[in-house]
Every structure is written in C-alpha cells, then in structure tokens.
Amino acid sequence: PFNATQPPDEQDFLNADAKFTYAVVLDPSNVDEDGQPMRTPALEQVSDLSTPEHPSDYVPRDILDNDGSFYPNLSMVYRIAWITDGDIVAQGLYTERFNEIIDLGEGCGVLYRTWELQCGLLAQVIKHAYEGLLQDRFEDWANGLKAESEGMVGEGYGREIGKRRGRRCLCGGV
C-alpha cells in the first residue's frame, strides 16, 4: 500500500513517471458474456505525486498561489496526476487527470477533487461527443473511491465521527 511517510521514489507502487494501464469502463451497461462491464485499456504515466511529507514542485508556486485550480497549502494535500500515453497521444489528444485529497484538519474530514485537462486536435471532438459520459464516469470514480475509503476505515471510524457532531471545526463546519 501507499506509504505517505516514505518518499514517492522509494516505493514499489505508483511513483513519479511510473507507467500503468487502467481498465476503463466507459459504458457500465455494455457487458461481456460473464456479465462484467466491458473494459478499455488506457495506458497512463504518473506526472505528479505530492504528499504533505513530500510535496512536489510539479505545479509551479505562482500557479498554486494565483490560479485557483489547485489548493495552495501543500502541507494539506495528497495529489496524484497522470497523463495519457500511447496511441491516442499520437492521434492528437493530450489528457492529464488530477486527483487531490485535501485534509481539512481538526476533525473536519477531507475534500476530494478530480478534474481532467484535454488538449490537442481531438479535444473538442471528445468534449462534444463524450462530455456527459466522461462526467458520469468521473462521478462513478469519485463514488467508488468514497465507498472504498469508507470500507477501509470501518464502523469504528463512523462512530467516532458521530461523537464529534455538534463540535465546531476550524474549517467552519459543524
């Protein structure tokens, strides 16, 4: 598993520049003979890996401070991004997908954000043809991540959160 206290380049798991293949489900209703969703392989390469213990400099400080797309306080951010690698790049589509988990501190929980950049000749075609589908799959990804995360922490975590209700968090929540 990922170890946030260990430098990313010393892990035996996704690290900076690692190449990997996702089995992407574009249409959950399109199933194989076993009833499993059809999967499309997507070759990817990690472009950024940042943790509070080991913040990256992939996103320049002036963009962190002024752009608004990124959370500027890297001491609270876990971020991984990857770029598409392979044939589709040669065909005129560059994509980069970002995932951030931001620790809101003081028992306030976390904020999960994800977005994708698309550039190149095919970007507008993809947007018009698949925008709704891609949005649905991003929501599936976020919901799956939430379910998996909640399953990992178990019921004890839920009871602890219940005890905190009514206590004002530094982030302004209750």
C-alpha atoms as a PDB file:
ATOM      1  CA  PRO A   1       0.000   0.000   0.000  1.00  0.00           C
ATOM      2  CA  PHE A   2       0.920   3.646  -0.373  1.00  0.00           C
ATOM      3  CA  ASN A   3       3.075   4.965   2.457  1.00  0.00           C
ATOM      4  CA  ALA A   4       2.832   8.762   2.734  1.00  0.00           C
ATOM      5  CA  THR A   5       5.837   8.927   5.069  1.00  0.00           C
ATOM      6  CA  GLN A   6       8.148   7.329   2.516  1.00  0.00           C
ATOM      7  CA  PRO A   7       9.469   9.374  -0.441  1.00  0.00           C
ATOM      8  CA  PRO A   8       7.462   8.505  -3.567  1.00  0.00           C
ATOM      9  CA  ASP A   9      10.555   7.391  -5.497  1.00  0.00           C
ATOM     10  CA  GLU A  10      11.343   4.743  -2.830  1.00  0.00           C
ATOM     11  CA  GLN A  11       8.009   2.957  -3.061  1.00  0.00           C
ATOM     12  CA  ASP A  12       7.299  -0.186  -5.035  1.00  0.00           C
ATOM     13  CA  PHE A  13       3.994   1.230  -6.174  1.00  0.00           C
ATOM     14  CA  LEU A  14       2.950   4.136  -8.365  1.00  0.00           C
ATOM     15  CA  ASN A  15       5.706   6.697  -8.295  1.00  0.00           C
ATOM     16  CA  ALA A  16       6.738   9.651 -10.413  1.00  0.00           C
ATOM     17  CA  ASP A  17       6.959   8.665 -14.081  1.00  0.00           C
ATOM     18  CA  ALA A  18       5.527   5.159 -13.484  1.00  0.00           C
ATOM     19  CA  LYS A  19       3.605   3.766 -16.434  1.00  0.00           C
ATOM     20  CA  PHE A  20       0.471   1.725 -15.826  1.00  0.00           C
ATOM     21  CA  THR A  21      -2.666   0.562 -17.595  1.00  0.00           C
ATOM     22  CA  TYR A  22      -6.179   1.291 -16.383  1.00  0.00           C
ATOM     23  CA  ALA A  23      -9.041  -0.942 -17.400  1.00  0.00           C
ATOM     24  CA  VAL A  24     -11.581   1.808 -18.099  1.00  0.00           C
ATOM     25  CA  VAL A  25     -15.326   1.161 -18.033  1.00  0.00           C
ATOM     26  CA  LEU A  26     -16.884   3.620 -20.467  1.00  0.00           C
ATOM     27  CA  ASP A  27     -20.387   2.133 -20.507  1.00  0.00           C
ATOM     28  CA  PRO A  28     -21.409   0.031 -17.471  1.00  0.00           C
ATOM     29  CA  SER A  29     -24.401  -1.344 -19.397  1.00  0.00           C
ATOM     30  CA  ASN A  30     -22.102  -2.849 -22.062  1.00  0.00           C
ATOM     31  CA  VAL A  31     -21.201  -6.231 -20.537  1.00  0.00           C
ATOM     32  CA  ASP A  32     -19.251  -9.310 -21.626  1.00  0.00           C
ATOM     33  CA  GLU A  33     -20.518 -12.924 -21.652  1.00  0.00           C
ATOM     34  CA  ASP A  34     -19.863 -13.171 -17.878  1.00  0.00           C
ATOM     35  CA  GLY A  35     -21.952 -10.078 -17.155  1.00  0.00           C
ATOM     36  CA  GLN A  36     -18.911  -7.949 -16.351  1.00  0.00           C
ATOM     37  CA  PRO A  37     -18.638  -4.415 -17.778  1.00  0.00           C
ATOM     38  CA  MET A  38     -16.514  -4.227 -20.921  1.00  0.00           C
ATOM     39  CA  ARG A  39     -13.169  -2.567 -20.216  1.00  0.00           C
ATOM     40  CA  THR A  40     -10.961  -0.491 -22.472  1.00  0.00           C
ATOM     41  CA  PRO A  41      -7.232  -0.456 -21.679  1.00  0.00           C
ATOM     42  CA  ALA A  42      -5.770   3.031 -21.193  1.00  0.00           C
ATOM     43  CA  LEU A  43      -2.007   3.439 -20.933  1.00  0.00           C
ATOM     44  CA  GLU A  44      -1.112   6.185 -18.431  1.00  0.00           C
ATOM     45  CA  GLN A  45       2.005   7.712 -16.865  1.00  0.00           C
ATOM     46  CA  VAL A  46       2.216   9.399 -13.462  1.00  0.00           C
ATOM     47  CA  SER A  47       3.028  13.093 -13.949  1.00  0.00           C
ATOM     48  CA  ASP A  48       2.721  14.330 -10.345  1.00  0.00           C
ATOM     49  CA  LEU A  49       2.762  12.733  -6.923  1.00  0.00           C
ATOM     50  CA  SER A  50       2.617  15.048  -3.934  1.00  0.00           C
ATOM     51  CA  THR A  51       2.051  14.392  -0.228  1.00  0.00           C
ATOM     52  CA  PRO A  52       2.303  16.707   2.783  1.00  0.00           C
ATOM     53  CA  GLU A  53       5.503  14.918   3.777  1.00  0.00           C
ATOM     54  CA  HIS A  54       6.950  15.040   0.256  1.00  0.00           C
ATOM     55  CA  PRO A  55       5.383  17.934  -1.699  1.00  0.00           C
ATOM     56  CA  SER A  56       6.194  18.031  -5.377  1.00  0.00           C
ATOM     57  CA  ASP A  57       7.196  21.068  -7.383  1.00  0.00           C
ATOM     58  CA  TYR A  58       5.328  19.868 -10.489  1.00  0.00           C
ATOM     59  CA  VAL A  59       2.826  22.709 -10.194  1.00  0.00           C
ATOM     60  CA  PRO A  60       4.805  25.979 -10.010  1.00  0.00           C
ATOM     61  CA  ARG A  61       4.284  28.085  -6.860  1.00  0.00           C
ATOM     62  CA  ASP A  62       2.869  31.079  -8.804  1.00  0.00           C
ATOM     63  CA  ILE A  63       0.144  28.815 -10.235  1.00  0.00           C
ATOM     64  CA  LEU A  64      -0.586  27.309  -6.793  1.00  0.00           C
ATOM     65  CA  ASP A  65      -0.936  30.811  -5.327  1.00  0.00           C
ATOM     66  CA  ASN A  66      -2.811  32.552  -8.140  1.00  0.00           C
ATOM     67  CA  ASP A  67      -4.628  30.108 -10.413  1.00  0.00           C
ATOM     68  CA  GLY A  68      -7.338  28.793  -8.096  1.00  0.00           C
ATOM     69  CA  SER A  69      -7.368  25.337  -9.705  1.00  0.00           C
ATOM     70  CA  PHE A  70      -5.024  23.877  -7.100  1.00  0.00           C
ATOM     71  CA  TYR A  71      -5.085  24.013  -3.316  1.00  0.00           C
ATOM     72  CA  PRO A  72      -2.025  26.144  -2.453  1.00  0.00           C
ATOM     73  CA  ASN A  73      -1.193  24.751   1.008  1.00  0.00           C
ATOM     74  CA  LEU A  74       0.771  21.631   0.090  1.00  0.00           C
ATOM     75  CA  SER A  75       1.054  20.620   3.751  1.00  0.00           C
ATOM     76  CA  MET A  76      -2.592  19.506   3.497  1.00  0.00           C
ATOM     77  CA  VAL A  77      -2.688  17.971   0.001  1.00  0.00           C
ATOM     78  CA  TYR A  78      -2.304  14.449  -1.333  1.00  0.00           C
ATOM     79  CA  ARG A  79      -2.252  14.706  -5.132  1.00  0.00           C
ATOM     80  CA  ILE A  80      -1.637  12.302  -7.967  1.00  0.00           C
ATOM     81  CA  ALA A  81      -1.900  13.161 -11.635  1.00  0.00           C
ATOM     82  CA  TRP A  82      -1.323  11.117 -14.745  1.00  0.00           C
ATOM     83  CA  ILE A  83      -1.075  11.739 -18.444  1.00  0.00           C
ATOM     84  CA  THR A  84      -2.338   9.545 -21.236  1.00  0.00           C
ATOM     85  CA  ASP A  85       0.413   7.684 -23.002  1.00  0.00           C
ATOM     86  CA  GLY A  86       0.283   5.666 -26.188  1.00  0.00           C
ATOM     87  CA  ASP A  87      -1.547   5.788 -29.497  1.00  0.00           C
ATOM     88  CA  ILE A  88      -4.185   8.386 -28.659  1.00  0.00           C
ATOM     89  CA  VAL A  89      -1.448  10.962 -27.971  1.00  0.00           C
ATOM     90  CA  ALA A  90      -0.050  10.363 -31.443  1.00  0.00           C
ATOM     91  CA  GLN A  91      -3.579  10.895 -32.793  1.00  0.00           C
ATOM     92  CA  GLY A  92      -3.821  14.393 -31.334  1.00  0.00           C
ATOM     93  CA  LEU A  93      -5.191  14.135 -27.800  1.00  0.00           C
ATOM     94  CA  TYR A  94      -3.242  15.030 -24.662  1.00  0.00           C
ATOM     95  CA  THR A  95      -5.002  14.431 -21.351  1.00  0.00           C
ATOM     96  CA  GLU A  96      -3.915  14.907 -17.769  1.00  0.00           C
ATOM     97  CA  ARG A  97      -6.084  13.730 -14.876  1.00  0.00           C
ATOM     98  CA  PHE A  98      -5.668  15.210 -11.389  1.00  0.00           C
ATOM     99  CA  ASN A  99      -6.894  13.784  -8.097  1.00  0.00           C
ATOM    100  CA  GLU A 100      -6.497  15.705  -4.839  1.00  0.00           C
ATOM    101  CA  ILE A 101      -7.411  14.730  -1.318  1.00  0.00           C
ATOM    102  CA  ILE A 102      -7.196  17.745   0.967  1.00  0.00           C
ATOM    103  CA  ASP A 103      -7.056  17.241   4.728  1.00  0.00           C
ATOM    104  CA  LEU A 104      -9.318  19.933   6.168  1.00  0.00           C
ATOM    105  CA  GLY A 105      -7.840  19.382   9.634  1.00  0.00           C
ATOM    106  CA  GLU A 106      -9.227  19.386  13.167  1.00  0.00           C
ATOM    107  CA  GLY A 107     -11.735  16.612  12.586  1.00  0.00           C
ATOM    108  CA  CYS A 108     -13.332  18.382   9.624  1.00  0.00           C
ATOM    109  CA  GLY A 109     -12.668  15.499   7.245  1.00  0.00           C
ATOM    110  CA  VAL A 110     -11.272  15.677   3.743  1.00  0.00           C
ATOM    111  CA  LEU A 111     -12.181  17.240   0.439  1.00  0.00           C
ATOM    112  CA  TYR A 112     -11.749  15.148  -2.723  1.00  0.00           C
ATOM    113  CA  ARG A 113     -11.368  16.903  -6.069  1.00  0.00           C
ATOM    114  CA  THR A 114     -10.744  15.479  -9.512  1.00  0.00           C
ATOM    115  CA  TRP A 115     -10.524  17.052 -12.945  1.00  0.00           C
ATOM    116  CA  GLU A 116      -9.069  16.373 -16.354  1.00  0.00           C
ATOM    117  CA  LEU A 117      -7.357  18.606 -18.870  1.00  0.00           C
ATOM    118  CA  GLN A 118      -7.698  17.822 -22.555  1.00  0.00           C
ATOM    119  CA  CYS A 119      -5.648  19.462 -25.300  1.00  0.00           C
ATOM    120  CA  GLY A 120      -4.936  18.787 -28.938  1.00  0.00           C
ATOM    121  CA  LEU A 121      -6.811  18.417 -32.180  1.00  0.00           C
ATOM    122  CA  LEU A 122      -9.199  15.793 -30.818  1.00  0.00           C
ATOM    123  CA  ALA A 123     -10.041  17.606 -27.555  1.00  0.00           C
ATOM    124  CA  GLN A 124     -13.106  19.436 -28.893  1.00  0.00           C
ATOM    125  CA  VAL A 125     -14.362  16.321 -30.675  1.00  0.00           C
ATOM    126  CA  ILE A 126     -14.042  14.276 -27.478  1.00  0.00           C
ATOM    127  CA  LYS A 127     -15.740  17.013 -25.453  1.00  0.00           C
ATOM    128  CA  HIS A 128     -18.752  17.248 -27.733  1.00  0.00           C
ATOM    129  CA  ALA A 129     -19.109  13.510 -28.278  1.00  0.00           C
ATOM    130  CA  TYR A 130     -18.379  12.233 -24.772  1.00  0.00           C
ATOM    131  CA  GLU A 131     -18.727  15.077 -22.248  1.00  0.00           C
ATOM    132  CA  GLY A 132     -21.764  13.588 -20.476  1.00  0.00           C
ATOM    133  CA  LEU A 133     -20.316  10.090 -20.498  1.00  0.00           C
ATOM    134  CA  LEU A 134     -16.992  11.299 -19.095  1.00  0.00           C
ATOM    135  CA  GLN A 135     -18.739  13.317 -16.379  1.00  0.00           C
ATOM    136  CA  ASP A 136     -20.748  10.225 -15.386  1.00  0.00           C
ATOM    137  CA  ARG A 137     -17.595   8.073 -15.226  1.00  0.00           C
ATOM    138  CA  PHE A 138     -15.774  10.727 -13.126  1.00  0.00           C
ATOM    139  CA  GLU A 139     -18.710  10.648 -10.700  1.00  0.00           C
ATOM    140  CA  ASP A 140     -18.530   6.828 -10.652  1.00  0.00           C
ATOM    141  CA  TRP A 141     -14.797   7.103  -9.896  1.00  0.00           C
ATOM    142  CA  ALA A 142     -15.403   9.524  -7.003  1.00  0.00           C
ATOM    143  CA  ASN A 143     -18.263   7.426  -5.606  1.00  0.00           C
ATOM    144  CA  GLY A 144     -16.151   4.266  -5.853  1.00  0.00           C
ATOM    145  CA  LEU A 145     -13.245   5.967  -4.104  1.00  0.00           C
ATOM    146  CA  LYS A 146     -15.587   7.167  -1.352  1.00  0.00           C
ATOM    147  CA  ALA A 147     -17.078   3.694  -0.871  1.00  0.00           C
ATOM    148  CA  GLU A 148     -13.658   2.039  -0.852  1.00  0.00           C
ATOM    149  CA  SER A 149     -12.271   4.593   1.620  1.00  0.00           C
ATOM    150  CA  GLU A 150     -15.244   4.254   3.937  1.00  0.00           C
ATOM    151  CA  GLY A 151     -14.929   0.481   3.795  1.00  0.00           C
ATOM    152  CA  MET A 152     -11.263   0.698   4.761  1.00  0.00           C
ATOM    153  CA  VAL A 153     -11.871   2.748   7.894  1.00  0.00           C
ATOM    154  CA  GLY A 154     -14.753   0.571   9.083  1.00  0.00           C
ATOM    155  CA  GLU A 155     -17.534   1.161  11.537  1.00  0.00           C
ATOM    156  CA  GLY A 156     -15.275   2.404  14.344  1.00  0.00           C
ATOM    157  CA  TYR A 157     -14.451   5.485  12.319  1.00  0.00           C
ATOM    158  CA  GLY A 158     -18.140   6.179  11.742  1.00  0.00           C
ATOM    159  CA  ARG A 159     -18.869   6.023  15.467  1.00  0.00           C
ATOM    160  CA  GLU A 160     -16.007   8.431  16.177  1.00  0.00           C
ATOM    161  CA  ILE A 161     -17.370  10.902  13.621  1.00  0.00           C
ATOM    162  CA  GLY A 162     -20.800  10.590  15.269  1.00  0.00           C
ATOM    163  CA  LYS A 163     -19.293  11.623  18.616  1.00  0.00           C
ATOM    164  CA  ARG A 164     -17.860  14.762  17.018  1.00  0.00           C
ATOM    165  CA  ARG A 165     -21.150  16.067  15.680  1.00  0.00           C
ATOM    166  CA  GLY A 166     -22.022  19.429  17.134  1.00  0.00           C
ATOM    167  CA  ARG A 167     -18.377  20.382  17.654  1.00  0.00           C
ATOM    168  CA  ARG A 168     -17.364  23.341  15.525  1.00  0.00           C
ATOM    169  CA  CYS A 169     -14.419  22.637  13.216  1.00  0.00           C
ATOM    170  CA  LEU A 170     -11.758  25.192  12.377  1.00  0.00           C
ATOM    171  CA  CYS A 171     -12.863  24.902   8.760  1.00  0.00           C
ATOM    172  CA  GLY A 172     -16.207  26.445   9.639  1.00  0.00           C
ATOM    173  CA  GLY A 173     -18.223  23.243   9.513  1.00  0.00           C
ATOM    174  CA  VAL A 174     -20.169  21.714  12.372  1.00  0.00           C
END
